Amino acid sequence: MGLLGEVLLLPFAPVRGSAWVIGQLLSEAERQYYDPAVVRAELARLEEQLEAGEIDEEEFDRREDELLDRLETASRTGARTDDGTTR
């Protein structure tokens, strides 16, 4: 395709750039969502809420299952922490 292809696709450059940015944002959001340190902190907060009586046992169990699923997904995919190490 070469030069001719680049010239023909030039009008779509902003769309391609936007798609790249959206992809980068999505990757970063997923990295933060599955970060084991973040999930563990959320588990600790959840337990504090249960002990303080802010949530009931049923809500705790439901949310704990969701967080443990995230933690399991992170360990299977080799999620990295903020310092770049794998947990």
N, C-alpha and C. Protein backbone atom coordinates (compact mmCIF):
# COMPACT_ATOMS: atom_id res chain seq x y z
N MET A 1 0.83 -1.17 0.00
CA MET A 1 0.00 0.00 0.00
C MET A 1 0.89 1.24 0.00
N GLY A 2 1.78 1.37 0.89
CA GLY A 2 2.78 2.40 0.88
C GLY A 2 2.24 3.82 0.95
N LEU A 3 2.86 4.68 0.16
CA LEU A 3 2.56 6.11 0.17
C LEU A 3 1.13 6.39 -0.28
N LEU A 4 0.68 5.72 -1.33
CA LEU A 4 -0.67 5.94 -1.82
C LEU A 4 -1.71 5.59 -0.76
N GLY A 5 -1.50 4.50 -0.07
CA GLY A 5 -2.41 4.10 1.01
C GLY A 5 -2.43 5.11 2.13
N GLU A 6 -1.26 5.62 2.48
CA GLU A 6 -1.20 6.63 3.54
C GLU A 6 -1.93 7.90 3.14
N VAL A 7 -1.78 8.31 1.89
CA VAL A 7 -2.47 9.51 1.40
C VAL A 7 -3.98 9.31 1.41
N LEU A 8 -4.43 8.13 0.98
CA LEU A 8 -5.86 7.86 0.94
C LEU A 8 -6.46 7.75 2.35
N LEU A 9 -5.68 7.27 3.30
CA LEU A 9 -6.17 7.10 4.67
C LEU A 9 -5.95 8.33 5.55
N LEU A 10 -5.29 9.35 5.02
CA LEU A 10 -5.00 10.56 5.78
C LEU A 10 -6.24 11.19 6.41
N PRO A 11 -7.37 11.26 5.71
CA PRO A 11 -8.55 11.87 6.35
C PRO A 11 -9.03 11.10 7.59
N PHE A 12 -8.65 9.85 7.71
CA PHE A 12 -9.07 9.05 8.86
C PHE A 12 -8.06 9.08 10.00
N ALA A 13 -7.00 9.85 9.88
CA ALA A 13 -5.97 9.91 10.91
C ALA A 13 -6.53 10.32 12.27
N PRO A 14 -7.41 11.33 12.36
CA PRO A 14 -7.95 11.66 13.69
C PRO A 14 -8.74 10.50 14.31
N VAL A 15 -9.43 9.75 13.51
CA VAL A 15 -10.19 8.61 14.02
C VAL A 15 -9.23 7.54 14.53
N ARG A 16 -8.19 7.27 13.77
CA ARG A 16 -7.21 6.27 14.20
C ARG A 16 -6.51 6.72 15.48
N GLY A 17 -6.20 8.01 15.57
CA GLY A 17 -5.58 8.54 16.79
C GLY A 17 -6.50 8.43 17.98
N SER A 18 -7.76 8.75 17.77
CA SER A 18 -8.74 8.65 18.85
C SER A 18 -8.90 7.21 19.30
N ALA A 19 -8.92 6.29 18.36
CA ALA A 19 -9.06 4.87 18.70
C ALA A 19 -7.86 4.41 19.52
N TRP A 20 -6.67 4.89 19.20
CA TRP A 20 -5.47 4.53 19.95
C TRP A 20 -5.57 5.05 21.38
N VAL A 21 -6.00 6.30 21.53
CA VAL A 21 -6.13 6.90 22.86
C VAL A 21 -7.16 6.13 23.68
N ILE A 22 -8.29 5.80 23.09
CA ILE A 22 -9.32 5.05 23.79
C ILE A 22 -8.79 3.68 24.21
N GLY A 23 -8.03 3.05 23.35
CA GLY A 23 -7.43 1.76 23.69
C GLY A 23 -6.47 1.87 24.86
N GLN A 24 -5.68 2.95 24.88
CA GLN A 24 -4.74 3.16 25.99
C GLN A 24 -5.48 3.39 27.30
N LEU A 25 -6.55 4.20 27.24
CA LEU A 25 -7.35 4.46 28.44
C LEU A 25 -8.00 3.18 28.97
N LEU A 26 -8.50 2.37 28.06
CA LEU A 26 -9.12 1.11 28.46
C LEU A 26 -8.10 0.17 29.10
N SER A 27 -6.92 0.11 28.54
CA SER A 27 -5.87 -0.75 29.11
C SER A 27 -5.49 -0.30 30.52
N GLU A 28 -5.36 1.00 30.71
CA GLU A 28 -5.01 1.53 32.04
C GLU A 28 -6.13 1.29 33.05
N ALA A 29 -7.38 1.47 32.62
CA ALA A 29 -8.51 1.23 33.51
C ALA A 29 -8.56 -0.23 33.93
N GLU A 30 -8.32 -1.14 33.00
CA GLU A 30 -8.31 -2.57 33.33
C GLU A 30 -7.16 -2.91 34.27
N ARG A 31 -6.02 -2.30 34.03
CA ARG A 31 -4.86 -2.55 34.90
C ARG A 31 -5.17 -2.13 36.33
N GLN A 32 -5.77 -0.97 36.50
CA GLN A 32 -6.12 -0.49 37.83
C GLN A 32 -7.23 -1.35 38.46
N TYR A 33 -8.20 -1.74 37.65
CA TYR A 33 -9.33 -2.53 38.15
C TYR A 33 -8.87 -3.88 38.69
N TYR A 34 -7.91 -4.50 38.03
CA TYR A 34 -7.44 -5.83 38.42
C TYR A 34 -6.16 -5.80 39.26
N ASP A 35 -5.69 -4.62 39.65
CA ASP A 35 -4.48 -4.51 40.46
C ASP A 35 -4.72 -5.21 41.81
N PRO A 36 -3.94 -6.25 42.13
CA PRO A 36 -4.15 -6.98 43.38
C PRO A 36 -4.10 -6.10 44.62
N ALA A 37 -3.25 -5.11 44.64
CA ALA A 37 -3.16 -4.22 45.80
C ALA A 37 -4.46 -3.44 45.99
N VAL A 38 -5.05 -2.99 44.90
CA VAL A 38 -6.31 -2.25 44.97
C VAL A 38 -7.42 -3.17 45.44
N VAL A 39 -7.46 -4.39 44.91
CA VAL A 39 -8.51 -5.34 45.30
C VAL A 39 -8.39 -5.68 46.78
N ARG A 40 -7.17 -5.90 47.26
CA ARG A 40 -6.98 -6.21 48.68
C ARG A 40 -7.42 -5.05 49.56
N ALA A 41 -7.13 -3.83 49.14
CA ALA A 41 -7.56 -2.65 49.91
C ALA A 41 -9.09 -2.57 49.94
N GLU A 42 -9.73 -2.87 48.82
CA GLU A 42 -11.19 -2.85 48.78
C GLU A 42 -11.77 -3.94 49.67
N LEU A 43 -11.11 -5.11 49.73
CA LEU A 43 -11.56 -6.17 50.63
C LEU A 43 -11.46 -5.72 52.09
N ALA A 44 -10.38 -5.03 52.44
CA ALA A 44 -10.22 -4.54 53.80
C ALA A 44 -11.29 -3.51 54.14
N ARG A 45 -11.58 -2.60 53.19
CA ARG A 45 -12.64 -1.61 53.42
C ARG A 45 -14.00 -2.29 53.58
N LEU A 46 -14.22 -3.32 52.80
CA LEU A 46 -15.48 -4.05 52.86
C LEU A 46 -15.65 -4.70 54.24
N GLU A 47 -14.59 -5.28 54.76
CA GLU A 47 -14.65 -5.90 56.08
C GLU A 47 -14.90 -4.84 57.16
N GLU A 48 -14.28 -3.68 57.01
CA GLU A 48 -14.52 -2.58 57.96
C GLU A 48 -15.98 -2.15 57.94
N GLN A 49 -16.57 -2.11 56.74
CA GLN A 49 -17.98 -1.73 56.63
C GLN A 49 -18.87 -2.75 57.31
N LEU A 50 -18.54 -4.02 57.19
CA LEU A 50 -19.32 -5.07 57.84
C LEU A 50 -19.22 -4.94 59.36
N GLU A 51 -18.01 -4.75 59.85
CA GLU A 51 -17.80 -4.63 61.29
C GLU A 51 -18.48 -3.38 61.86
N ALA A 52 -18.55 -2.32 61.06
CA ALA A 52 -19.19 -1.08 61.52
C ALA A 52 -20.71 -1.14 61.38
N GLY A 53 -21.22 -2.20 60.79
CA GLY A 53 -22.66 -2.35 60.63
C GLY A 53 -23.23 -1.55 59.46
N GLU A 54 -22.37 -1.07 58.56
CA GLU A 54 -22.82 -0.29 57.41
C GLU A 54 -23.46 -1.17 56.33
N ILE A 55 -23.05 -2.44 56.29
CA ILE A 55 -23.62 -3.40 55.33
C ILE A 55 -23.96 -4.67 56.08
N ASP A 56 -24.87 -5.46 55.54
CA ASP A 56 -25.23 -6.72 56.18
C ASP A 56 -24.39 -7.86 55.61
N GLU A 57 -24.55 -9.03 56.21
CA GLU A 57 -23.74 -10.20 55.81
C GLU A 57 -23.97 -10.59 54.35
N GLU A 58 -25.21 -10.49 53.90
CA GLU A 58 -25.53 -10.85 52.52
C GLU A 58 -24.83 -9.93 51.52
N GLU A 59 -24.86 -8.64 51.79
CA GLU A 59 -24.17 -7.66 50.92
C GLU A 59 -22.66 -7.90 50.95
N PHE A 60 -22.14 -8.18 52.15
CA PHE A 60 -20.71 -8.47 52.29
C PHE A 60 -20.32 -9.66 51.44
N ASP A 61 -21.09 -10.76 51.54
CA ASP A 61 -20.77 -11.97 50.78
C ASP A 61 -20.81 -11.72 49.28
N ARG A 62 -21.80 -10.98 48.82
CA ARG A 62 -21.92 -10.70 47.38
C ARG A 62 -20.73 -9.88 46.88
N ARG A 63 -20.41 -8.82 47.60
CA ARG A 63 -19.31 -7.96 47.16
C ARG A 63 -17.95 -8.64 47.34
N GLU A 64 -17.82 -9.46 48.39
CA GLU A 64 -16.58 -10.19 48.59
C GLU A 64 -16.34 -11.16 47.43
N ASP A 65 -17.38 -11.86 47.00
CA ASP A 65 -17.26 -12.77 45.86
C ASP A 65 -16.79 -12.03 44.61
N GLU A 66 -17.35 -10.86 44.37
CA GLU A 66 -16.95 -10.06 43.20
C GLU A 66 -15.47 -9.69 43.29
N LEU A 67 -15.03 -9.26 44.47
CA LEU A 67 -13.64 -8.86 44.64
C LEU A 67 -12.70 -10.06 44.52
N LEU A 68 -13.10 -11.20 45.07
CA LEU A 68 -12.26 -12.39 44.97
C LEU A 68 -12.17 -12.88 43.52
N ASP A 69 -13.25 -12.71 42.76
CA ASP A 69 -13.20 -13.04 41.33
C ASP A 69 -12.20 -12.15 40.61
N ARG A 70 -12.21 -10.86 40.95
CA ARG A 70 -11.23 -9.94 40.35
C ARG A 70 -9.81 -10.34 40.70
N LEU A 71 -9.61 -10.71 41.96
CA LEU A 71 -8.28 -11.11 42.41
C LEU A 71 -7.82 -12.38 41.69
N GLU A 72 -8.73 -13.32 41.51
CA GLU A 72 -8.40 -14.55 40.79
C GLU A 72 -8.07 -14.25 39.33
N THR A 73 -8.85 -13.38 38.71
CA THR A 73 -8.58 -12.99 37.32
C THR A 73 -7.21 -12.33 37.21
N ALA A 74 -6.89 -11.48 38.17
CA ALA A 74 -5.60 -10.80 38.17
C ALA A 74 -4.45 -11.80 38.28
N SER A 75 -4.61 -12.81 39.13
CA SER A 75 -3.53 -13.78 39.30
C SER A 75 -3.38 -14.66 38.06
N ARG A 76 -4.50 -14.96 37.38
CA ARG A 76 -4.42 -15.77 36.15
C ARG A 76 -3.78 -15.01 35.01
N THR A 77 -4.05 -13.72 34.92
CA THR A 77 -3.54 -12.93 33.80
C THR A 77 -2.20 -12.29 34.11
N GLY A 78 -1.72 -12.48 35.34
CA GLY A 78 -0.43 -11.90 35.70
C GLY A 78 -0.50 -10.39 35.81
N ALA A 79 -1.55 -9.88 36.43
CA ALA A 79 -1.72 -8.43 36.59
C ALA A 79 -0.52 -7.85 37.31
N ARG A 80 -0.15 -6.67 36.92
CA ARG A 80 1.01 -6.01 37.51
C ARG A 80 0.56 -4.92 38.46
N THR A 81 1.41 -4.67 39.45
CA THR A 81 1.13 -3.62 40.41
C THR A 81 1.68 -2.30 39.89
N ASP A 82 1.47 -1.22 40.65
CA ASP A 82 1.94 0.09 40.24
C ASP A 82 3.45 0.16 40.06
N ASP A 83 4.20 -0.65 40.83
CA ASP A 83 5.66 -0.60 40.71
C ASP A 83 6.18 -1.52 39.60
N GLY A 84 5.28 -2.13 38.83
CA GLY A 84 5.67 -2.93 37.67
C GLY A 84 5.97 -4.38 37.98
N THR A 85 5.79 -4.79 39.24
CA THR A 85 6.05 -6.17 39.58
C THR A 85 4.76 -6.99 39.49
N THR A 86 4.92 -8.26 39.27
CA THR A 86 3.76 -9.16 39.21
C THR A 86 3.53 -9.73 40.59
N ARG A 87 2.30 -9.74 41.01
CA ARG A 87 1.96 -10.33 42.31
C ARG A 87 1.35 -11.67 42.10
